[in-house]
Amino acid sequence: MASTNSWTLEPESQVSAPRKFRACVMDWHTLAPKLAPHIIDSAHHVEGDGGTGSVRQYNCGSAVPFNTMKKKVEFLDVDKCECKYTIECDGIEMSTWNIKMKPTANGGSVAKVECTSKGVQAKDMMLKAKDSAAEMFKTVEAYLIANPDAYN
């Protein structure tokens, strides 16, 4: 029987939920190679237009323990800043991610990221994925603060 591993991350941000969602979720395939090339070397659409059912392939950088990652959007509500997607790494389905970004009273946001995977080999990857996700949110926040007109 396969084991299940999961984690939750709730990073707070000075950046509004819609801006953060657009940068972290809707346009990560464009930003990642620029902001975090050690995580993502390059990315491209495999199918779809970015909405539900779409698949993007990411070619991974040196900080990631696999070569390619495919992300399939299972659910997307841009207005509510929510999405769910599955990730396949080197051809093996590894995890399901749920992301919700909510506004905070100070004009910023808090993201709730829940990730679940099945399989023994996924446990170490899950810990690295959590670290990479935390770094991604910090990196995108710094980029958005430095570029106040981006993703408005």
N, C-alpha and C. Protein backbone atom coordinates (compact mmCIF):
# COMPACT_ATOMS: atom_id res chain seq x y z
N MET A 1 0.84 -1.19 0.00
CA MET A 1 0.00 0.00 0.00
C MET A 1 0.88 1.24 0.00
N ALA A 2 0.58 2.18 -0.86
CA ALA A 2 1.37 3.41 -0.98
C ALA A 2 1.09 4.33 0.19
N SER A 3 2.16 4.94 0.68
CA SER A 3 1.98 5.91 1.76
C SER A 3 1.59 7.26 1.18
N THR A 4 0.94 8.06 2.00
CA THR A 4 0.54 9.39 1.59
C THR A 4 1.32 10.40 2.42
N ASN A 5 1.86 11.38 1.76
CA ASN A 5 2.60 12.45 2.42
C ASN A 5 1.92 13.76 2.07
N SER A 6 1.89 14.69 3.03
CA SER A 6 1.28 15.98 2.74
C SER A 6 1.92 17.07 3.58
N TRP A 7 1.74 18.28 3.11
CA TRP A 7 2.17 19.46 3.86
C TRP A 7 1.29 20.63 3.49
N THR A 8 1.29 21.62 4.36
CA THR A 8 0.55 22.86 4.13
C THR A 8 1.51 24.02 4.39
N LEU A 9 1.41 25.03 3.55
CA LEU A 9 2.23 26.22 3.66
C LEU A 9 1.29 27.41 3.61
N GLU A 10 1.46 28.39 4.51
CA GLU A 10 0.59 29.57 4.52
C GLU A 10 1.42 30.85 4.60
N PRO A 11 2.10 31.18 3.50
CA PRO A 11 2.91 32.40 3.51
C PRO A 11 2.05 33.66 3.41
N GLU A 12 2.39 34.64 4.24
CA GLU A 12 1.74 35.94 4.17
C GLU A 12 2.56 36.84 3.27
N SER A 13 1.90 37.83 2.70
CA SER A 13 2.57 38.71 1.74
C SER A 13 2.05 40.13 1.86
N GLN A 14 2.89 41.10 1.50
CA GLN A 14 2.47 42.50 1.42
C GLN A 14 1.72 42.76 0.12
N VAL A 15 1.79 41.82 -0.81
CA VAL A 15 1.22 41.97 -2.15
C VAL A 15 -0.22 41.46 -2.15
N SER A 16 -1.10 42.15 -2.89
CA SER A 16 -2.51 41.76 -2.96
C SER A 16 -2.68 40.35 -3.53
N ALA A 17 -3.77 39.70 -3.14
CA ALA A 17 -4.05 38.34 -3.60
C ALA A 17 -4.13 38.22 -5.12
N PRO A 18 -4.86 39.13 -5.83
CA PRO A 18 -4.92 38.98 -7.29
C PRO A 18 -3.56 39.09 -7.98
N ARG A 19 -2.73 40.04 -7.55
CA ARG A 19 -1.40 40.19 -8.17
C ARG A 19 -0.54 38.97 -7.90
N LYS A 20 -0.56 38.52 -6.66
CA LYS A 20 0.26 37.36 -6.29
C LYS A 20 -0.20 36.11 -7.03
N PHE A 21 -1.52 35.94 -7.16
CA PHE A 21 -2.06 34.78 -7.87
C PHE A 21 -1.66 34.81 -9.35
N ARG A 22 -1.80 35.96 -9.97
CA ARG A 22 -1.44 36.07 -11.39
C ARG A 22 0.04 35.73 -11.60
N ALA A 23 0.90 36.22 -10.72
CA ALA A 23 2.33 35.97 -10.88
C ALA A 23 2.72 34.54 -10.51
N CYS A 24 2.22 34.05 -9.39
CA CYS A 24 2.62 32.72 -8.89
C CYS A 24 1.94 31.56 -9.62
N VAL A 25 0.72 31.78 -10.06
CA VAL A 25 -0.04 30.67 -10.65
C VAL A 25 -0.22 30.85 -12.16
N MET A 26 -0.77 31.96 -12.56
CA MET A 26 -1.12 32.14 -13.97
C MET A 26 0.11 32.34 -14.87
N ASP A 27 1.17 32.96 -14.34
CA ASP A 27 2.31 33.29 -15.18
C ASP A 27 3.63 32.72 -14.67
N TRP A 28 3.57 31.75 -13.78
CA TRP A 28 4.79 31.17 -13.22
C TRP A 28 5.68 30.57 -14.30
N HIS A 29 5.07 30.03 -15.35
CA HIS A 29 5.86 29.45 -16.44
C HIS A 29 6.76 30.50 -17.12
N THR A 30 6.37 31.76 -17.06
CA THR A 30 7.18 32.84 -17.63
C THR A 30 8.17 33.39 -16.61
N LEU A 31 7.69 33.58 -15.38
CA LEU A 31 8.54 34.17 -14.34
C LEU A 31 9.61 33.22 -13.81
N ALA A 32 9.29 31.96 -13.65
CA ALA A 32 10.21 31.01 -13.01
C ALA A 32 11.60 30.98 -13.65
N PRO A 33 11.71 30.85 -14.97
CA PRO A 33 13.06 30.82 -15.55
C PRO A 33 13.84 32.11 -15.32
N LYS A 34 13.14 33.23 -15.14
CA LYS A 34 13.81 34.52 -14.89
C LYS A 34 14.20 34.67 -13.42
N LEU A 35 13.27 34.31 -12.53
CA LEU A 35 13.47 34.56 -11.11
C LEU A 35 14.11 33.39 -10.36
N ALA A 36 13.92 32.18 -10.85
CA ALA A 36 14.42 30.99 -10.14
C ALA A 36 14.93 29.94 -11.12
N PRO A 37 15.95 30.26 -11.91
CA PRO A 37 16.44 29.30 -12.91
C PRO A 37 17.03 28.03 -12.30
N HIS A 38 17.42 28.08 -11.04
CA HIS A 38 17.91 26.87 -10.37
C HIS A 38 16.77 25.90 -10.07
N ILE A 39 15.51 26.40 -10.11
CA ILE A 39 14.34 25.54 -9.93
C ILE A 39 13.73 25.18 -11.28
N ILE A 40 13.53 26.18 -12.15
CA ILE A 40 12.94 25.97 -13.47
C ILE A 40 13.84 26.58 -14.54
N ASP A 41 14.33 25.74 -15.45
CA ASP A 41 15.15 26.22 -16.57
C ASP A 41 14.29 26.87 -17.64
N SER A 42 13.19 26.19 -17.99
CA SER A 42 12.30 26.67 -19.04
C SER A 42 10.94 26.02 -18.88
N ALA A 43 9.95 26.56 -19.59
CA ALA A 43 8.60 26.01 -19.51
C ALA A 43 7.86 26.30 -20.81
N HIS A 44 6.89 25.44 -21.13
CA HIS A 44 6.07 25.66 -22.31
C HIS A 44 4.73 24.94 -22.16
N HIS A 45 3.75 25.43 -22.93
CA HIS A 45 2.43 24.80 -22.94
C HIS A 45 2.51 23.49 -23.73
N VAL A 46 1.89 22.46 -23.20
CA VAL A 46 1.76 21.19 -23.91
C VAL A 46 0.38 21.13 -24.56
N GLU A 47 -0.63 21.56 -23.79
CA GLU A 47 -1.98 21.65 -24.34
C GLU A 47 -2.80 22.65 -23.54
N GLY A 48 -3.81 23.21 -24.21
CA GLY A 48 -4.71 24.15 -23.56
C GLY A 48 -4.21 25.58 -23.59
N ASP A 49 -5.02 26.45 -22.98
CA ASP A 49 -4.74 27.89 -22.99
C ASP A 49 -4.38 28.44 -21.61
N GLY A 50 -4.10 27.56 -20.67
CA GLY A 50 -3.78 27.97 -19.31
C GLY A 50 -4.92 27.75 -18.33
N GLY A 51 -6.13 27.48 -18.85
CA GLY A 51 -7.29 27.24 -18.00
C GLY A 51 -7.41 25.77 -17.60
N THR A 52 -8.54 25.42 -17.03
CA THR A 52 -8.79 24.05 -16.59
C THR A 52 -8.55 23.07 -17.73
N GLY A 53 -7.82 22.00 -17.43
CA GLY A 53 -7.47 21.00 -18.43
C GLY A 53 -6.14 21.25 -19.12
N SER A 54 -5.59 22.43 -18.97
CA SER A 54 -4.32 22.76 -19.62
C SER A 54 -3.15 22.02 -18.97
N VAL A 55 -2.12 21.77 -19.77
CA VAL A 55 -0.91 21.11 -19.28
C VAL A 55 0.29 21.96 -19.69
N ARG A 56 1.17 22.19 -18.73
CA ARG A 56 2.44 22.88 -19.00
C ARG A 56 3.57 21.95 -18.60
N GLN A 57 4.64 22.00 -19.37
CA GLN A 57 5.83 21.23 -19.01
C GLN A 57 6.90 22.20 -18.54
N TYR A 58 7.54 21.84 -17.44
CA TYR A 58 8.64 22.61 -16.87
C TYR A 58 9.91 21.76 -16.95
N ASN A 59 10.97 22.31 -17.46
CA ASN A 59 12.27 21.65 -17.46
C ASN A 59 13.00 22.17 -16.22
N CYS A 60 13.36 21.26 -15.36
CA CYS A 60 13.82 21.63 -14.02
C CYS A 60 15.30 21.98 -13.96
N GLY A 61 15.62 22.82 -12.99
CA GLY A 61 16.98 23.26 -12.76
C GLY A 61 17.70 22.37 -11.76
N SER A 62 18.88 22.78 -11.39
CA SER A 62 19.76 21.96 -10.55
C SER A 62 19.25 21.75 -9.12
N ALA A 63 18.38 22.61 -8.62
CA ALA A 63 17.89 22.50 -7.25
C ALA A 63 16.77 21.48 -7.10
N VAL A 64 16.30 20.93 -8.21
CA VAL A 64 15.15 20.03 -8.20
C VAL A 64 15.63 18.61 -8.52
N PRO A 65 15.13 17.59 -7.79
CA PRO A 65 15.64 16.23 -7.97
C PRO A 65 15.04 15.45 -9.14
N PHE A 66 14.50 16.13 -10.14
CA PHE A 66 13.99 15.45 -11.34
C PHE A 66 14.20 16.36 -12.53
N ASN A 67 14.06 15.80 -13.73
CA ASN A 67 14.37 16.54 -14.95
C ASN A 67 13.21 17.36 -15.49
N THR A 68 12.04 16.75 -15.54
CA THR A 68 10.87 17.44 -16.08
C THR A 68 9.69 17.31 -15.13
N MET A 69 8.83 18.28 -15.23
CA MET A 69 7.62 18.30 -14.43
C MET A 69 6.48 18.75 -15.34
N LYS A 70 5.38 18.01 -15.33
CA LYS A 70 4.19 18.43 -16.06
C LYS A 70 3.12 18.79 -15.05
N LYS A 71 2.51 19.94 -15.27
CA LYS A 71 1.47 20.43 -14.36
C LYS A 71 0.16 20.50 -15.13
N LYS A 72 -0.85 19.77 -14.64
CA LYS A 72 -2.17 19.79 -15.27
C LYS A 72 -3.13 20.55 -14.36
N VAL A 73 -3.79 21.56 -14.92
CA VAL A 73 -4.75 22.36 -14.16
C VAL A 73 -6.06 21.57 -14.07
N GLU A 74 -6.44 21.22 -12.85
CA GLU A 74 -7.67 20.47 -12.62
C GLU A 74 -8.85 21.40 -12.33
N PHE A 75 -8.56 22.54 -11.71
CA PHE A 75 -9.58 23.52 -11.35
C PHE A 75 -8.92 24.89 -11.33
N LEU A 76 -9.64 25.90 -11.82
CA LEU A 76 -9.10 27.26 -11.81
C LEU A 76 -10.23 28.25 -11.69
N ASP A 77 -10.14 29.12 -10.68
CA ASP A 77 -11.07 30.23 -10.52
C ASP A 77 -10.21 31.48 -10.26
N VAL A 78 -9.93 32.21 -11.33
CA VAL A 78 -9.05 33.37 -11.24
C VAL A 78 -9.65 34.44 -10.34
N ASP A 79 -10.98 34.65 -10.42
CA ASP A 79 -11.62 35.69 -9.61
C ASP A 79 -11.50 35.41 -8.12
N LYS A 80 -11.54 34.14 -7.73
CA LYS A 80 -11.41 33.76 -6.32
C LYS A 80 -9.97 33.44 -5.93
N CYS A 81 -9.06 33.52 -6.90
CA CYS A 81 -7.64 33.21 -6.66
C CYS A 81 -7.47 31.80 -6.10
N GLU A 82 -8.07 30.83 -6.77
CA GLU A 82 -8.00 29.44 -6.35
C GLU A 82 -7.66 28.55 -7.52
N CYS A 83 -6.89 27.50 -7.25
CA CYS A 83 -6.61 26.51 -8.29
C CYS A 83 -6.24 25.18 -7.65
N LYS A 84 -6.35 24.15 -8.47
CA LYS A 84 -5.92 22.81 -8.09
C LYS A 84 -5.23 22.23 -9.30
N TYR A 85 -4.08 21.62 -9.09
CA TYR A 85 -3.41 20.97 -10.19
C TYR A 85 -2.66 19.73 -9.73
N THR A 86 -2.42 18.84 -10.68
CA THR A 86 -1.64 17.64 -10.42
C THR A 86 -0.29 17.81 -11.09
N ILE A 87 0.71 17.22 -10.47
CA ILE A 87 2.07 17.30 -11.00
C ILE A 87 2.61 15.90 -11.23
N GLU A 88 3.21 15.75 -12.39
CA GLU A 88 3.87 14.52 -12.79
C GLU A 88 5.35 14.86 -12.95
N CYS A 89 6.21 14.09 -12.30
CA CYS A 89 7.65 14.34 -12.39
C CYS A 89 8.33 13.17 -13.08
N ASP A 90 9.06 13.46 -14.13
CA ASP A 90 9.72 12.43 -14.91
C ASP A 90 8.77 11.28 -15.25
N GLY A 91 7.51 11.62 -15.57
CA GLY A 91 6.54 10.64 -16.01
C GLY A 91 5.78 9.93 -14.91
N ILE A 92 6.04 10.25 -13.65
CA ILE A 92 5.35 9.60 -12.52
C ILE A 92 4.49 10.63 -11.82
N GLU A 93 3.17 10.32 -11.70
CA GLU A 93 2.29 11.26 -10.98
C GLU A 93 2.74 11.33 -9.54
N MET A 94 3.05 12.53 -9.10
CA MET A 94 3.64 12.70 -7.79
C MET A 94 2.73 13.39 -6.77
N SER A 95 2.01 14.42 -7.20
CA SER A 95 1.32 15.20 -6.17
C SER A 95 0.14 15.97 -6.73
N THR A 96 -0.70 16.38 -5.79
CA THR A 96 -1.83 17.26 -6.06
C THR A 96 -1.64 18.51 -5.21
N TRP A 97 -1.81 19.66 -5.83
CA TRP A 97 -1.63 20.95 -5.16
C TRP A 97 -2.95 21.71 -5.18
N ASN A 98 -3.31 22.29 -4.05
CA ASN A 98 -4.44 23.20 -3.94
C ASN A 98 -3.88 24.54 -3.46
N ILE A 99 -4.19 25.60 -4.18
CA ILE A 99 -3.70 26.93 -3.80
C ILE A 99 -4.89 27.88 -3.73
N LYS A 100 -4.99 28.60 -2.62
CA LYS A 100 -6.01 29.64 -2.43
C LYS A 100 -5.31 30.85 -1.86
N MET A 101 -5.54 32.00 -2.47
CA MET A 101 -4.98 33.25 -1.97
C MET A 101 -6.11 34.15 -1.52
N LYS A 102 -5.99 34.63 -0.30
CA LYS A 102 -7.03 35.47 0.31
C LYS A 102 -6.45 36.82 0.67
N PRO A 103 -7.25 37.87 0.54
CA PRO A 103 -6.78 39.20 0.95
C PRO A 103 -6.68 39.30 2.47
N THR A 104 -5.79 40.16 2.93
CA THR A 104 -5.68 40.44 4.36
C THR A 104 -6.11 41.88 4.60
N ALA A 105 -6.36 42.23 5.85
CA ALA A 105 -6.87 43.56 6.20
C ALA A 105 -5.91 44.69 5.80
N ASN A 106 -4.62 44.40 5.74
CA ASN A 106 -3.63 45.44 5.43
C ASN A 106 -3.39 45.61 3.92
N GLY A 107 -4.21 44.95 3.08
CA GLY A 107 -4.04 45.07 1.62
C GLY A 107 -3.14 44.03 1.02
N GLY A 108 -2.56 43.22 1.85
CA GLY A 108 -1.71 42.13 1.37
C GLY A 108 -2.52 40.87 1.14
N SER A 109 -1.88 39.73 1.35
CA SER A 109 -2.57 38.46 1.13
C SER A 109 -1.93 37.36 1.94
N VAL A 110 -2.65 36.26 2.05
CA VAL A 110 -2.10 35.04 2.60
C VAL A 110 -2.48 33.91 1.65
N ALA A 111 -1.53 33.09 1.33
CA ALA A 111 -1.77 31.95 0.46
C ALA A 111 -1.87 30.70 1.32
N LYS A 112 -2.77 29.81 0.95
CA LYS A 112 -2.82 28.50 1.59
C LYS A 112 -2.50 27.49 0.50
N VAL A 113 -1.39 26.82 0.67
CA VAL A 113 -0.93 25.84 -0.29
C VAL A 113 -0.96 24.47 0.40
N GLU A 114 -1.73 23.56 -0.16
CA GLU A 114 -1.81 22.20 0.37
C GLU A 114 -1.31 21.25 -0.71
N CYS A 115 -0.38 20.40 -0.34
CA CYS A 115 0.21 19.47 -1.30
C CYS A 115 0.15 18.07 -0.71
N THR A 116 -0.31 17.13 -1.52
CA THR A 116 -0.41 15.73 -1.12
C THR A 116 0.22 14.86 -2.19
N SER A 117 0.99 13.86 -1.77
CA SER A 117 1.55 12.92 -2.73
C SER A 117 1.44 11.50 -2.19
N LYS A 118 1.52 10.56 -3.10
CA LYS A 118 1.48 9.14 -2.73
C LYS A 118 2.76 8.50 -3.19
N GLY A 119 3.26 7.56 -2.38
CA GLY A 119 4.45 6.83 -2.77
C GLY A 119 5.63 7.12 -1.87
N VAL A 120 6.40 6.10 -1.60
CA VAL A 120 7.56 6.23 -0.73
C VAL A 120 8.60 7.15 -1.35
N GLN A 121 8.85 7.02 -2.66
CA GLN A 121 9.88 7.83 -3.30
C GLN A 121 9.54 9.31 -3.28
N ALA A 122 8.28 9.62 -3.07
CA ALA A 122 7.86 11.03 -3.09
C ALA A 122 8.18 11.77 -1.79
N LYS A 123 8.45 11.06 -0.71
CA LYS A 123 8.63 11.72 0.58
C LYS A 123 9.75 12.76 0.57
N ASP A 124 10.93 12.38 0.09
CA ASP A 124 12.04 13.33 0.02
C ASP A 124 11.74 14.46 -0.95
N MET A 125 11.11 14.12 -2.06
CA MET A 125 10.75 15.15 -3.04
C MET A 125 9.74 16.13 -2.45
N MET A 126 8.85 15.64 -1.61
CA MET A 126 7.84 16.50 -0.99
C MET A 126 8.50 17.56 -0.13
N LEU A 127 9.52 17.19 0.62
CA LEU A 127 10.21 18.17 1.47
C LEU A 127 10.90 19.22 0.61
N LYS A 128 11.51 18.80 -0.49
CA LYS A 128 12.15 19.75 -1.39
C LYS A 128 11.11 20.62 -2.08
N ALA A 129 9.96 20.04 -2.39
CA ALA A 129 8.88 20.81 -3.03
C ALA A 129 8.38 21.89 -2.09
N LYS A 130 8.25 21.58 -0.81
CA LYS A 130 7.80 22.58 0.16
C LYS A 130 8.81 23.72 0.25
N ASP A 131 10.09 23.38 0.32
CA ASP A 131 11.13 24.40 0.37
C ASP A 131 11.11 25.26 -0.89
N SER A 132 10.95 24.62 -2.05
CA SER A 132 10.90 25.35 -3.32
C SER A 132 9.68 26.25 -3.38
N ALA A 133 8.53 25.78 -2.89
CA ALA A 133 7.31 26.59 -2.90
C ALA A 133 7.48 27.81 -2.00
N ALA A 134 8.05 27.62 -0.82
CA ALA A 134 8.28 28.74 0.10
C ALA A 134 9.21 29.77 -0.54
N GLU A 135 10.27 29.28 -1.19
CA GLU A 135 11.20 30.18 -1.87
C GLU A 135 10.51 30.91 -3.01
N MET A 136 9.66 30.19 -3.77
CA MET A 136 8.95 30.80 -4.89
C MET A 136 8.10 31.97 -4.41
N PHE A 137 7.33 31.77 -3.33
CA PHE A 137 6.46 32.84 -2.84
C PHE A 137 7.27 34.05 -2.40
N LYS A 138 8.40 33.84 -1.73
CA LYS A 138 9.25 34.95 -1.30
C LYS A 138 9.86 35.67 -2.49
N THR A 139 10.32 34.91 -3.47
CA THR A 139 10.96 35.49 -4.65
C THR A 139 9.97 36.32 -5.46
N VAL A 140 8.76 35.77 -5.64
CA VAL A 140 7.73 36.50 -6.39
C VAL A 140 7.32 37.76 -5.64
N GLU A 141 7.18 37.67 -4.32
CA GLU A 141 6.83 38.86 -3.54
C GLU A 141 7.88 39.95 -3.73
N ALA A 142 9.14 39.59 -3.62
CA ALA A 142 10.22 40.58 -3.80
C ALA A 142 10.16 41.20 -5.20
N TYR A 143 9.91 40.38 -6.21
CA TYR A 143 9.80 40.88 -7.58
C TYR A 143 8.62 41.86 -7.71
N LEU A 144 7.48 41.50 -7.15
CA LEU A 144 6.30 42.36 -7.26
C LEU A 144 6.44 43.66 -6.49
N ILE A 145 7.11 43.63 -5.36
CA ILE A 145 7.36 44.86 -4.59
C ILE A 145 8.32 45.76 -5.37
N ALA A 146 9.34 45.16 -5.99
CA ALA A 146 10.30 45.94 -6.77
C ALA A 146 9.72 46.45 -8.09
N ASN A 147 8.65 45.80 -8.55
CA ASN A 147 8.00 46.16 -9.83
C ASN A 147 6.51 46.40 -9.57
N PRO A 148 6.16 47.54 -8.96
CA PRO A 148 4.78 47.77 -8.53
C PRO A 148 3.75 47.81 -9.65
N ASP A 149 4.16 47.98 -10.89
CA ASP A 149 3.21 47.98 -12.00
C ASP A 149 3.00 46.60 -12.61
N ALA A 150 3.79 45.62 -12.19
CA ALA A 150 3.67 44.27 -12.75
C ALA A 150 2.42 43.57 -12.20
N TYR A 151 1.68 42.93 -13.08
CA TYR A 151 0.52 42.09 -12.74
C TYR A 151 -0.61 42.86 -12.09
N ASN A 152 -0.78 44.13 -12.46
CA ASN A 152 -1.92 44.91 -11.97
C ASN A 152 -3.12 44.71 -12.86
